[in-house]
Amino acid sequence: MAKYFGKIGFVSTVESTSGVWTEQIIERDYYGDVVRNTRRIYSPNQINDNVEINNEISVVADPYAYQNIYAIRYLWWMDTRWKVTNVTVEYPRLILTIGGLYNGPQTNTAEQT
């Protein structure tokens, strides 16, 4: 079983100005294990193939992760952000299933914690 260390991105909605809400990304470091390592290539009516991975990564969760399980959007794996498609709670761990590439809002590298 391979080891995992990386950042997990949590999204929260904050009011940036009066009546304007924006998504804010908070990245936190977690340790764990790569439980399943698979990939799939498919081309749904496109010229270029899409790559999707269905890996499961088990991370040791802290209270922040348990309180914000609904806000997990992506994790860093192999120098790329991947969408978290499913989260299973198996105390004291969270099992994260990842799918395609994440293309949503991101933090600046200076803002990472």
Protein backbone atom coordinates (compact mmCIF):
# COMPACT_ATOMS: atom_id res chain seq x y z
CA MET A 1 0.00 0.00 0.00
CA ALA A 2 1.47 3.34 -1.06
CA LYS A 3 1.65 6.27 1.32
CA TYR A 4 -0.03 9.61 0.71
CA PHE A 5 0.87 13.12 1.84
CA GLY A 6 -0.78 16.12 0.26
CA LYS A 7 -3.19 19.00 0.46
CA ILE A 8 -6.96 18.69 0.51
CA GLY A 9 -8.98 21.68 -0.70
CA PHE A 10 -12.07 22.77 1.27
CA VAL A 11 -14.50 25.34 -0.15
CA SER A 12 -16.42 27.84 1.96
CA THR A 13 -18.70 30.63 0.79
CA VAL A 14 -17.88 34.04 2.25
CA GLU A 15 -19.41 37.47 1.78
CA SER A 16 -16.69 39.53 0.07
CA THR A 17 -18.75 42.73 -0.11
CA SER A 18 -22.30 43.54 0.84
CA GLY A 19 -24.51 41.04 -0.97
CA VAL A 20 -21.66 39.48 -2.99
CA TRP A 21 -20.71 35.92 -2.05
CA THR A 22 -17.56 34.20 -3.32
CA GLU A 23 -15.97 30.82 -2.78
CA GLN A 24 -12.83 30.71 -0.69
CA ILE A 25 -10.47 27.73 -0.83
CA ILE A 26 -8.65 26.50 2.26
CA GLU A 27 -5.96 23.85 1.73
CA ARG A 28 -4.79 21.66 4.59
CA ASP A 29 -2.12 18.94 4.74
CA TYR A 30 -3.08 15.31 5.45
CA TYR A 31 -1.29 11.97 5.71
CA GLY A 32 -2.72 8.65 4.64
CA ASP A 33 -2.57 5.65 2.33
CA VAL A 34 -3.49 5.00 -1.30
CA VAL A 35 -5.96 2.14 -0.92
CA ARG A 36 -6.89 1.66 -4.58
CA ASN A 37 -4.98 2.89 -7.63
CA THR A 38 -6.89 2.62 -10.94
CA ARG A 39 -7.39 4.70 -14.07
CA ARG A 40 -9.82 4.83 -16.99
CA ILE A 41 -9.53 6.48 -20.39
CA TYR A 42 -12.70 7.31 -22.29
CA SER A 43 -13.70 9.56 -25.17
CA PRO A 44 -17.37 10.60 -25.02
CA ASN A 45 -17.89 12.05 -28.52
CA GLN A 46 -14.60 13.94 -28.38
CA ILE A 47 -11.39 13.85 -30.36
CA ASN A 48 -9.13 13.76 -27.29
CA ASP A 49 -9.55 11.10 -24.63
CA ASN A 50 -10.39 12.02 -21.04
CA VAL A 51 -8.43 10.47 -18.20
CA GLU A 52 -10.32 9.61 -15.05
CA ILE A 53 -8.88 7.91 -12.02
CA ASN A 54 -10.93 6.07 -9.44
CA ASN A 55 -8.36 5.98 -6.70
CA GLU A 56 -9.29 5.70 -3.06
CA ILE A 57 -7.12 7.54 -0.60
CA SER A 58 -7.54 6.97 3.11
CA VAL A 59 -6.46 9.98 5.20
CA VAL A 60 -6.19 10.38 8.95
CA ALA A 61 -8.78 13.07 9.61
CA ASP A 62 -8.66 15.89 12.14
CA PRO A 63 -11.68 17.66 13.69
CA TYR A 64 -11.62 20.28 10.90
CA ALA A 65 -12.04 17.58 8.24
CA TYR A 66 -14.94 15.96 10.12
CA GLN A 67 -16.72 19.30 10.60
CA ASN A 68 -16.23 20.28 6.93
CA ILE A 69 -16.70 16.93 5.18
CA TYR A 70 -19.33 18.50 2.92
CA ALA A 71 -16.84 21.16 1.73
CA ILE A 72 -14.10 18.83 0.41
CA ARG A 73 -13.66 19.60 -3.30
CA TYR A 74 -10.25 18.30 -4.37
CA LEU A 75 -6.95 16.85 -3.30
CA TRP A 76 -3.43 17.11 -4.61
CA TRP A 77 -2.05 13.84 -5.96
CA MET A 78 0.91 13.43 -8.33
CA ASP A 79 1.29 17.24 -8.67
CA THR A 80 -2.29 17.66 -9.92
CA ARG A 81 -5.61 18.67 -8.36
CA TRP A 82 -8.19 15.86 -8.61
CA LYS A 83 -11.94 16.15 -7.84
CA VAL A 84 -13.14 14.28 -4.79
CA THR A 85 -16.25 12.43 -5.93
CA ASN A 86 -17.08 10.50 -2.77
CA VAL A 87 -16.19 10.63 0.92
CA THR A 88 -16.72 7.69 3.29
CA VAL A 89 -16.28 8.13 7.04
CA GLU A 90 -14.45 5.25 8.75
CA TYR A 91 -13.38 6.82 12.03
CA PRO A 92 -10.59 7.95 12.53
CA ARG A 93 -10.12 8.07 8.74
CA LEU A 94 -11.86 9.50 5.70
CA ILE A 95 -11.83 7.44 2.50
CA LEU A 96 -11.72 9.85 -0.45
CA THR A 97 -12.58 8.62 -3.96
CA ILE A 98 -11.14 10.82 -6.68
CA GLY A 99 -12.24 11.16 -10.30
CA GLY A 100 -11.34 13.63 -13.05
CA LEU A 101 -9.19 16.74 -13.00
CA TYR A 102 -10.38 19.61 -10.81
CA ASN A 103 -10.93 22.85 -12.74
CA GLY A 104 -12.77 24.95 -10.15
CA PRO A 105 -11.62 27.85 -7.98
CA GLN A 106 -8.09 27.58 -6.61
CA THR A 107 -5.91 29.27 -4.05
CA ASN A 108 -2.84 31.31 -4.83
CA THR A 109 0.31 29.51 -3.71
CA ALA A 110 0.98 32.37 -1.26
CA GLU A 111 -2.38 31.73 0.47
CA GLN A 112 -1.85 28.01 1.13
CA THR A 113 -1.66 26.92 4.76
